Every structure is written in structure tokens, then in C-alpha cells.
N, C-alpha and C. Protein backbone atom coordinates (compact mmCIF):
# COMPACT_ATOMS: atom_id res chain seq x y z
N MET A 1 105.06 -5.81 56.21
CA MET A 1 106.26 -5.06 55.92
C MET A 1 106.64 -4.20 57.12
N ILE A 2 107.92 -4.15 57.44
CA ILE A 2 108.40 -3.30 58.52
C ILE A 2 108.96 -2.02 57.91
N TYR A 3 108.36 -0.91 58.28
CA TYR A 3 108.80 0.39 57.79
C TYR A 3 109.92 0.90 58.67
N LYS A 4 110.82 1.68 58.08
CA LYS A 4 111.97 2.20 58.80
C LYS A 4 111.75 3.66 59.16
N THR A 5 112.46 4.09 60.20
CA THR A 5 112.44 5.48 60.58
C THR A 5 112.91 6.31 59.40
N TRP A 6 112.21 7.41 59.15
CA TRP A 6 112.49 8.37 58.08
C TRP A 6 112.00 7.93 56.72
N ASP A 7 111.27 6.82 56.63
CA ASP A 7 110.59 6.48 55.38
C ASP A 7 109.44 7.45 55.19
N ILE A 8 109.15 7.78 53.95
CA ILE A 8 107.95 8.53 53.63
C ILE A 8 106.97 7.55 53.02
N ILE A 9 105.79 7.50 53.61
CA ILE A 9 104.79 6.52 53.19
C ILE A 9 103.54 7.24 52.68
N LEU A 10 102.73 6.51 51.97
CA LEU A 10 101.45 7.03 51.49
C LEU A 10 100.36 6.32 52.28
N ILE A 11 99.48 7.12 52.88
CA ILE A 11 98.44 6.53 53.72
C ILE A 11 97.06 6.94 53.21
N GLU A 12 96.12 6.07 53.47
CA GLU A 12 94.73 6.34 53.16
C GLU A 12 94.09 6.85 54.44
N PHE A 13 93.91 8.15 54.50
CA PHE A 13 93.46 8.76 55.74
C PHE A 13 92.01 9.20 55.63
N PRO A 14 91.16 8.75 56.57
CA PRO A 14 89.74 9.11 56.53
C PRO A 14 89.51 10.55 56.97
N PHE A 15 88.50 11.20 56.39
CA PHE A 15 88.08 12.52 56.85
C PHE A 15 87.53 12.37 58.26
N SER A 16 87.52 13.47 59.00
CA SER A 16 87.08 13.40 60.40
C SER A 16 85.62 12.95 60.53
N ASP A 17 84.79 13.21 59.53
CA ASP A 17 83.39 12.76 59.60
C ASP A 17 83.20 11.38 58.96
N LEU A 18 84.29 10.76 58.53
CA LEU A 18 84.32 9.42 57.93
C LEU A 18 83.54 9.32 56.61
N SER A 19 83.25 10.46 55.99
CA SER A 19 82.47 10.46 54.74
C SER A 19 83.31 10.01 53.54
N ASP A 20 84.61 10.15 53.64
CA ASP A 20 85.49 9.80 52.52
C ASP A 20 86.90 9.63 53.06
N LYS A 21 87.84 9.30 52.19
CA LYS A 21 89.23 9.21 52.57
C LYS A 21 90.10 9.80 51.47
N LYS A 22 91.32 10.13 51.85
CA LYS A 22 92.22 10.79 50.92
C LYS A 22 93.62 10.21 51.09
N LEU A 23 94.36 10.06 49.99
CA LEU A 23 95.75 9.61 50.07
C LEU A 23 96.63 10.79 50.47
N ARG A 24 97.46 10.57 51.49
CA ARG A 24 98.36 11.61 51.98
C ARG A 24 99.71 11.01 52.32
N PRO A 25 100.79 11.78 52.08
CA PRO A 25 102.12 11.31 52.50
C PRO A 25 102.36 11.65 53.97
N ALA A 26 103.22 10.85 54.60
CA ALA A 26 103.60 11.10 55.99
C ALA A 26 105.01 10.56 56.22
N LEU A 27 105.69 11.11 57.20
CA LEU A 27 107.04 10.70 57.56
C LEU A 27 106.99 9.80 58.78
N VAL A 28 107.63 8.64 58.70
CA VAL A 28 107.70 7.71 59.84
C VAL A 28 108.76 8.21 60.80
N ILE A 29 108.39 8.40 62.09
CA ILE A 29 109.37 8.80 63.09
C ILE A 29 109.57 7.75 64.17
N SER A 30 108.75 6.72 64.20
CA SER A 30 108.96 5.62 65.15
C SER A 30 110.05 4.71 64.61
N ASN A 31 110.73 4.00 65.51
CA ASN A 31 111.84 3.15 65.05
C ASN A 31 111.36 1.76 64.64
N GLU A 32 112.27 0.98 64.11
CA GLU A 32 111.92 -0.33 63.55
C GLU A 32 111.35 -1.30 64.59
N ASN A 33 111.81 -1.22 65.83
CA ASN A 33 111.27 -2.09 66.89
C ASN A 33 109.80 -1.79 67.13
N PHE A 34 109.46 -0.53 67.22
CA PHE A 34 108.07 -0.12 67.41
C PHE A 34 107.24 -0.47 66.18
N ASN A 35 107.83 -0.31 65.00
CA ASN A 35 107.12 -0.50 63.74
C ASN A 35 106.79 -1.97 63.43
N LYS A 36 107.30 -2.89 64.21
CA LYS A 36 106.97 -4.31 64.03
C LYS A 36 105.51 -4.59 64.40
N TYR A 37 104.94 -3.70 65.22
CA TYR A 37 103.59 -3.92 65.72
C TYR A 37 102.56 -3.25 64.81
N ASN A 38 101.35 -3.02 65.28
CA ASN A 38 100.25 -2.57 64.43
C ASN A 38 100.30 -1.12 63.98
N ASN A 39 100.87 -0.24 64.78
CA ASN A 39 100.83 1.19 64.48
C ASN A 39 102.21 1.75 64.18
N LEU A 40 102.22 2.92 63.52
CA LEU A 40 103.42 3.71 63.31
C LEU A 40 103.17 5.10 63.88
N ILE A 41 104.23 5.79 64.26
CA ILE A 41 104.13 7.19 64.67
C ILE A 41 104.62 8.02 63.50
N LEU A 42 103.79 9.00 63.10
CA LEU A 42 104.02 9.71 61.85
C LEU A 42 103.91 11.22 62.02
N ILE A 43 104.50 11.94 61.05
CA ILE A 43 104.34 13.39 60.92
C ILE A 43 103.70 13.64 59.56
N TRP A 44 102.68 14.49 59.53
CA TRP A 44 102.01 14.84 58.28
C TRP A 44 102.93 15.58 57.34
N ILE A 45 102.68 15.38 56.05
CA ILE A 45 103.31 16.18 55.00
C ILE A 45 102.17 16.85 54.23
N TYR A 46 102.20 18.18 54.19
CA TYR A 46 101.16 18.96 53.52
C TYR A 46 101.76 19.80 52.39
N TRP A 47 100.92 20.25 51.49
CA TRP A 47 101.36 21.12 50.40
C TRP A 47 101.31 22.59 50.77
N ASN A 48 100.66 22.92 51.85
CA ASN A 48 100.64 24.32 52.26
C ASN A 48 101.25 24.45 53.65
N ILE A 49 101.83 25.59 53.89
CA ILE A 49 102.49 25.81 55.18
C ILE A 49 101.47 26.35 56.17
N TRP A 50 101.49 25.83 57.37
CA TRP A 50 100.56 26.28 58.40
C TRP A 50 101.21 27.34 59.27
N ASN A 51 102.36 27.02 59.81
CA ASN A 51 103.10 27.93 60.67
C ASN A 51 104.58 27.65 60.45
N PRO A 52 105.36 28.62 60.01
CA PRO A 52 106.78 28.38 59.73
C PRO A 52 107.57 27.88 60.93
N ASN A 53 107.11 28.20 62.14
CA ASN A 53 107.81 27.74 63.34
C ASN A 53 107.64 26.25 63.59
N TYR A 54 106.62 25.65 62.99
CA TYR A 54 106.33 24.23 63.19
C TYR A 54 106.42 23.44 61.89
N SER A 55 107.10 23.99 60.90
CA SER A 55 107.16 23.34 59.59
C SER A 55 108.57 23.39 59.01
N ILE A 56 108.84 22.45 58.12
CA ILE A 56 110.07 22.44 57.34
C ILE A 56 109.69 22.16 55.89
N GLU A 57 110.29 22.93 55.01
CA GLU A 57 110.01 22.75 53.58
C GLU A 57 110.61 21.44 53.08
N LEU A 58 109.91 20.82 52.16
CA LEU A 58 110.34 19.56 51.54
C LEU A 58 110.20 19.71 50.03
N ASN A 59 111.29 19.44 49.30
CA ASN A 59 111.22 19.48 47.84
C ASN A 59 111.94 18.27 47.26
N ASN A 60 111.95 18.15 45.96
CA ASN A 60 112.50 16.96 45.31
C ASN A 60 113.97 16.72 45.60
N ASP A 61 114.74 17.77 45.86
CA ASP A 61 116.16 17.61 46.19
C ASP A 61 116.38 16.91 47.52
N ASP A 62 115.34 16.85 48.35
CA ASP A 62 115.44 16.25 49.69
C ASP A 62 115.11 14.76 49.70
N LEU A 63 114.69 14.21 48.57
CA LEU A 63 114.15 12.84 48.54
C LEU A 63 114.95 11.90 47.66
N GLU A 64 114.98 10.65 48.08
CA GLU A 64 115.46 9.57 47.23
C GLU A 64 114.22 8.87 46.67
N ILE A 65 114.25 8.44 45.45
CA ILE A 65 113.22 7.65 44.77
C ILE A 65 112.09 8.47 44.18
N TRP A 66 111.33 9.16 44.99
CA TRP A 66 110.04 9.75 44.62
C TRP A 66 110.19 11.21 44.25
N GLU A 67 109.25 11.74 43.48
CA GLU A 67 109.23 13.17 43.19
C GLU A 67 107.88 13.76 43.60
N LEU A 68 107.95 14.94 44.19
CA LEU A 68 106.75 15.66 44.61
C LEU A 68 106.15 16.41 43.43
N ASN A 69 104.85 16.60 43.45
CA ASN A 69 104.19 17.45 42.45
C ASN A 69 104.51 18.91 42.68
N LYS A 70 104.66 19.27 43.95
CA LYS A 70 104.99 20.65 44.31
C LYS A 70 105.65 20.66 45.68
N THR A 71 106.23 21.78 46.04
CA THR A 71 106.88 21.93 47.34
C THR A 71 105.88 21.60 48.44
N SER A 72 106.35 20.85 49.44
CA SER A 72 105.50 20.44 50.56
C SER A 72 106.18 20.81 51.87
N TYR A 73 105.49 20.50 52.97
CA TYR A 73 106.01 20.87 54.29
C TYR A 73 105.72 19.77 55.31
N PHE A 74 106.74 19.47 56.14
CA PHE A 74 106.50 18.64 57.31
C PHE A 74 105.82 19.53 58.32
N ARG A 75 104.73 19.05 58.90
CA ARG A 75 104.03 19.80 59.94
C ARG A 75 104.26 19.11 61.28
N PHE A 76 105.17 19.64 62.05
CA PHE A 76 105.58 19.01 63.29
C PHE A 76 104.54 19.10 64.40
N HIS A 77 103.52 19.90 64.24
CA HIS A 77 102.45 19.94 65.24
C HIS A 77 101.44 18.82 64.99
N ASN A 78 101.58 18.10 63.88
CA ASN A 78 100.67 16.99 63.56
C ASN A 78 101.41 15.66 63.65
N ILE A 79 101.63 15.21 64.86
CA ILE A 79 102.24 13.91 65.10
C ILE A 79 101.12 12.98 65.53
N PHE A 80 101.07 11.81 64.93
CA PHE A 80 99.95 10.92 65.21
C PHE A 80 100.38 9.47 65.02
N SER A 81 99.55 8.59 65.53
CA SER A 81 99.74 7.15 65.39
C SER A 81 98.69 6.64 64.41
N LEU A 82 99.10 5.68 63.57
CA LEU A 82 98.18 5.18 62.55
C LEU A 82 98.36 3.67 62.39
N ASP A 83 97.26 2.98 62.25
CA ASP A 83 97.28 1.54 62.01
C ASP A 83 97.89 1.25 60.64
N LYS A 84 98.75 0.26 60.58
CA LYS A 84 99.44 -0.08 59.33
C LYS A 84 98.49 -0.52 58.22
N LYS A 85 97.28 -0.90 58.55
CA LYS A 85 96.31 -1.31 57.53
C LYS A 85 95.97 -0.17 56.58
N LEU A 86 96.17 1.07 57.03
CA LEU A 86 95.84 2.23 56.21
C LEU A 86 97.01 2.69 55.33
N ILE A 87 98.14 1.99 55.40
CA ILE A 87 99.31 2.36 54.61
C ILE A 87 99.25 1.70 53.24
N LYS A 88 99.46 2.51 52.22
CA LYS A 88 99.46 2.01 50.84
C LYS A 88 100.86 1.61 50.39
N GLY A 89 101.89 2.10 51.06
CA GLY A 89 103.25 1.70 50.73
C GLY A 89 104.26 2.81 50.96
N LYS A 90 105.53 2.43 50.88
CA LYS A 90 106.63 3.37 50.99
C LYS A 90 106.81 4.07 49.65
N ILE A 91 107.00 5.38 49.69
CA ILE A 91 107.18 6.11 48.44
C ILE A 91 108.52 6.83 48.35
N ALA A 92 109.20 7.05 49.48
CA ALA A 92 110.47 7.77 49.43
C ALA A 92 111.23 7.61 50.74
N LYS A 93 112.45 8.10 50.73
CA LYS A 93 113.30 8.17 51.92
C LYS A 93 113.98 9.53 51.89
N LEU A 94 114.17 10.12 53.08
CA LEU A 94 114.83 11.42 53.16
C LEU A 94 116.32 11.28 52.90
N LYS A 95 116.89 12.26 52.21
CA LYS A 95 118.34 12.33 52.06
C LYS A 95 118.94 12.86 53.35
N GLN A 96 120.23 12.61 53.54
CA GLN A 96 120.90 12.93 54.80
C GLN A 96 120.83 14.41 55.17
N ASN A 97 120.96 15.32 54.22
CA ASN A 97 120.93 16.75 54.57
C ASN A 97 119.57 17.16 55.15
N LYS A 98 118.50 16.66 54.59
CA LYS A 98 117.16 16.98 55.10
C LYS A 98 116.90 16.23 56.41
N LEU A 99 117.40 15.03 56.53
CA LEU A 99 117.25 14.25 57.75
C LEU A 99 117.83 15.00 58.95
N LYS A 100 118.99 15.57 58.78
CA LYS A 100 119.62 16.33 59.86
C LYS A 100 118.75 17.53 60.26
N GLU A 101 118.22 18.23 59.28
CA GLU A 101 117.35 19.38 59.54
C GLU A 101 116.09 18.95 60.30
N VAL A 102 115.50 17.84 59.90
CA VAL A 102 114.30 17.33 60.56
C VAL A 102 114.60 16.96 62.02
N LYS A 103 115.71 16.29 62.27
CA LYS A 103 116.08 15.91 63.63
C LYS A 103 116.27 17.14 64.52
N ILE A 104 116.93 18.15 63.99
CA ILE A 104 117.17 19.36 64.77
C ILE A 104 115.85 20.06 65.09
N LYS A 105 114.99 20.21 64.11
CA LYS A 105 113.70 20.86 64.31
C LYS A 105 112.85 20.09 65.33
N PHE A 106 112.83 18.78 65.19
CA PHE A 106 112.06 17.95 66.11
C PHE A 106 112.57 18.11 67.53
N SER A 107 113.88 18.07 67.70
CA SER A 107 114.45 18.19 69.04
C SER A 107 114.22 19.57 69.62
N ASP A 108 114.29 20.61 68.78
CA ASP A 108 114.03 21.97 69.27
C ASP A 108 112.60 22.14 69.73
N LEU A 109 111.66 21.49 69.07
CA LEU A 109 110.24 21.65 69.41
C LEU A 109 109.79 20.77 70.57
N TYR A 110 110.39 19.58 70.73
CA TYR A 110 109.82 18.61 71.67
C TYR A 110 110.73 18.19 72.81
N PHE A 111 111.90 18.78 72.93
CA PHE A 111 112.78 18.40 74.02
C PHE A 111 113.19 19.61 74.83
N ILE A 112 113.24 19.41 76.13
CA ILE A 112 113.72 20.46 77.02
C ILE A 112 115.18 20.16 77.28
N LYS A 113 116.05 21.02 76.80
CA LYS A 113 117.49 20.80 76.95
C LYS A 113 117.94 21.40 78.27
N SER A 114 117.88 20.62 79.30
CA SER A 114 118.19 21.08 80.64
C SER A 114 118.96 20.01 81.38
N LEU A 115 119.80 20.45 82.29
CA LEU A 115 120.55 19.51 83.12
C LEU A 115 119.60 18.70 84.01
N PHE A 116 118.50 19.29 84.46
CA PHE A 116 117.61 18.64 85.42
C PHE A 116 116.43 17.92 84.78
N ILE A 117 116.04 18.34 83.60
CA ILE A 117 114.87 17.74 82.95
C ILE A 117 115.30 17.15 81.62
N TYR A 118 115.05 15.87 81.44
CA TYR A 118 115.38 15.21 80.18
C TYR A 118 114.20 14.34 79.79
N PHE A 119 113.52 14.72 78.74
CA PHE A 119 112.37 13.95 78.28
C PHE A 119 112.88 12.73 77.55
N ASN A 120 112.55 11.56 78.02
CA ASN A 120 113.07 10.33 77.45
C ASN A 120 112.18 9.87 76.31
N ILE A 121 112.59 10.19 75.11
CA ILE A 121 111.79 9.86 73.93
C ILE A 121 111.76 8.36 73.67
N THR A 122 112.66 7.61 74.27
CA THR A 122 112.64 6.17 74.03
C THR A 122 111.35 5.53 74.56
N TYR A 123 110.60 6.24 75.39
CA TYR A 123 109.30 5.75 75.82
C TYR A 123 108.42 5.50 74.60
N ALA A 124 108.53 6.38 73.61
CA ALA A 124 107.76 6.23 72.38
C ALA A 124 108.58 5.49 71.32
N ASN A 125 109.68 4.92 71.73
CA ASN A 125 110.56 4.15 70.84
C ASN A 125 111.08 4.97 69.66
N ILE A 126 111.43 6.20 69.93
CA ILE A 126 112.03 7.04 68.91
C ILE A 126 113.46 7.34 69.35
N SER A 127 114.42 6.70 68.74
CA SER A 127 115.81 6.92 69.09
C SER A 127 116.33 8.11 68.32
N PHE A 128 116.50 9.21 68.97
CA PHE A 128 116.82 10.45 68.30
C PHE A 128 118.21 10.94 68.66
N PHE A 129 118.43 11.18 69.92
CA PHE A 129 119.75 11.58 70.36
C PHE A 129 119.91 11.17 71.80
N TRP A 130 121.12 11.25 72.28
CA TRP A 130 121.37 10.84 73.65
C TRP A 130 122.13 11.94 74.37
N TYR A 131 122.02 11.91 75.67
CA TYR A 131 122.57 12.93 76.53
C TYR A 131 123.78 12.38 77.25
N THR A 132 124.86 13.13 77.24
CA THR A 132 126.05 12.71 77.98
C THR A 132 126.25 13.65 79.15
N PRO A 133 126.02 13.19 80.36
CA PRO A 133 126.08 14.09 81.52
C PRO A 133 127.49 14.60 81.84
N LEU A 134 128.53 13.92 81.37
CA LEU A 134 129.88 14.35 81.71
C LEU A 134 130.25 15.68 81.06
N ASN A 135 129.94 15.85 79.80
CA ASN A 135 130.29 17.11 79.16
C ASN A 135 129.06 17.98 78.86
N LEU A 136 127.89 17.55 79.32
CA LEU A 136 126.66 18.32 79.21
C LEU A 136 126.34 18.74 77.78
N THR A 137 126.47 17.84 76.86
CA THR A 137 126.14 18.14 75.46
C THR A 137 125.11 17.16 74.95
N TRP A 138 124.40 17.56 73.92
CA TRP A 138 123.43 16.69 73.26
C TRP A 138 124.07 16.17 72.00
N LYS A 139 123.92 14.90 71.75
CA LYS A 139 124.48 14.32 70.54
C LYS A 139 123.39 13.59 69.80
N TYR A 140 123.37 13.78 68.49
CA TYR A 140 122.38 13.12 67.65
C TYR A 140 122.88 11.74 67.25
N SER A 141 121.97 10.79 67.25
CA SER A 141 122.36 9.43 66.80
C SER A 141 121.59 9.06 65.56
């Protein structure tokens, strides 16, 4: 199965000591071209907030299909790659209003908005926004 950007998936994630594993939700941020291969690039979704500067609240109004047991948070400091064998399936998709908030937060945390420095996220196959040098503005795609 090819997962799409902004899908919320359920993964079987092993503990760091490999003694057990736990089911956890995560947000797919890699694009469909990258997702054709073995790994996905993901952001953790937790039920507790770690740092408000690196998190966005997620509740049932933000999701299509699935319902959360309780308010959760995207933790933008936890970006990781995971083998698709550990994915149990797609459980939800973000609604447009939350998607816009996630894109803005991600760009604020991981991009340097400068005329001279432009971090090209397409290296990681994440199509987020593009830069137009003529009017010096950032546009989300």
C-alpha cells in the first residue's frame, strides 16, 4: 500500500530496549514518490504535550474517519523514518484547517526564511512550499 502525505497511520513501535512494542499513531510527512519505497518519514503523535513550542494540539474536530480517545499532540521534534513493515494501517487523514496549521508550524521550525539560505526539503522528498525569488515570498503548495 502507498501511503499519502498527511495520512495518520498506526505503527507497531518497539521499545528502545526491544523488550516489547506498542501501537502508536504517527503523521506521514513524506510524499507519495518517497512512500513507494520501504520507509516513510513520520511525526509522532502523543497524548501528552512535551513542549508547546514544538507541538500542535490534535482533537477529533481535526480528523476525517477516526476518533481519538483523548486530545493528542503532534511532536515536531520527533521526526523519524520507519520501515513500512511496522505499519498496521491508515487510521485517519487531517482536515484542511489542521493541515494548514501543521504546514506553518513545520516550516517555522525547520526552514530558514532568508534570501541567501534556502533549505531544499525536496532532498527528503517532502513537497511543502516553494520560493519565488521575484517577489521574495514563501508560498505553500
